[in-house]
Amino acid sequence: MTKQETTEEVVVETLMHELLKRVPTPPKLGDLIEGPVISIDKAAVYINLKPFGTGIIFGREYLQARDVLKKIAIGDTISAQVVDAHNEDGYVELSLHEARQALIWTEAEDAIKKKLVVELPIKDANKGGLILEWQGIAGFLPASQLKPEHYPRVEDGSKDRILEELKKLIGEKLTVTIIGADQKEGKLIFSEKDSGQKEKREMVEKYAVGDERDGTVTGIVDFGVFVKIEEGLEGLVHISEMDWALVENPRTLYKVGDKVRVKVIDVKDGKVSLSIKALKDNPWTEASKKWKKGDAVTGVVIKFNQYGALVSIEEGVAGLVHFSEFGTMDKLRAALELGKTYSFKITLFEPKDQKMTLSFSQANTEGEEAK
């Protein structure tokens, strides 16, 4: 091959390559394609897909999109998705329904990137969260992605009780963001937290341990009360932080709407923990001046727990009588009655840590010997 022939061959290959680059790629399965309507029949619509021939929407695809197709006219440009690139009649089969679905998933992905905020009604609930719908696609909002004011406040974690609380939200509208889209499964995942997470973080960052605030009780549960300390932000006062005295039922102390003074005792993971008792005088401080280990005291049995009996020596100061002193819990309950006053001996006293243990037998044995 001569040098001239080689050069000519290279030129031809280059020209072919350039021509091929300019030739449009034929449509393939799943492609979104558009063109003008050139003909409308009773059960079919034809679209000009020049230079690839004619597209057709018919059969099931026509029935699924008939409400939309009724509104189109010859000359209108429509977008559709290829469901068969070359059927037996030589047409490119198209679907408006599939195209719409594809566009919705594209919009969903875009909404995730932009953190688009939408307001949607709650359709249903299950033990794990809430069911919503966006653009005709069902989505799931896990309970863990709810804001505190909507989170099911169930201390024992009972799934049945969680479901009861979640069902109360059905019909309400929530402001949410899309945080996940699975086209294969046909599911969207929503979050209520993300819709205002930045604002909430900014609110929480203003608080530090030791801060005191006036607040309003917004919710009462078995394990404490929720207190709003500013618009859009509330914190939990755990039952153990409500009072120095034993609190069995928060509802006996507070009701929704009550005004309370609280102290910030922890700021963590975008949450503020509060205390009411931290603003009251600590009765253990005064108790440390009165008693020491080995002292004889009298107290009232106020509660039985898995370790024994809790005995109140004075308001806010209580000690434990361990069941091992009696051998079994049944024997302890037989010897000590709720609400009754008995004599005890202090066997451990650590007022700084609010710890006290008492002995019933030592106090009463010594009492008998004294006689």
Foldseek 3Di string as FASTA:
>chain_A
DDPVVVVVVVVVVVVVVVVVVVDDDQDDAFDKAKAFWADDDPFKTWGDPPPQGIEMEGDPLCVVCVVVVVPDDGGDMDIWGFHASQDPVGHGYTHPVSVLLVVVLVVLVVQQVVQPKDKWAFAAAALQATWTDDPNFIEGEGLVQEDPVQRQPDVVSDSVSRRVSRRVRHGPIAIWGWNDDDVVVRYTYIHRCSVCVVVLLVVLVVDDAFDKAKWFFAAFDQQFTWTDRDVPAIATAGQVQEALAHDRGRVVPDDGGDIAMWGFHDRPPSHTHIHRHVPPDQVLVVVVVPDDAFDKAKWFFADADPQATWTDRDGSAIAGEGCVLQPDRVSRCVVHPHGDMAMWGWHDRDSVVSYTYTYRVVRVVVVVVVD
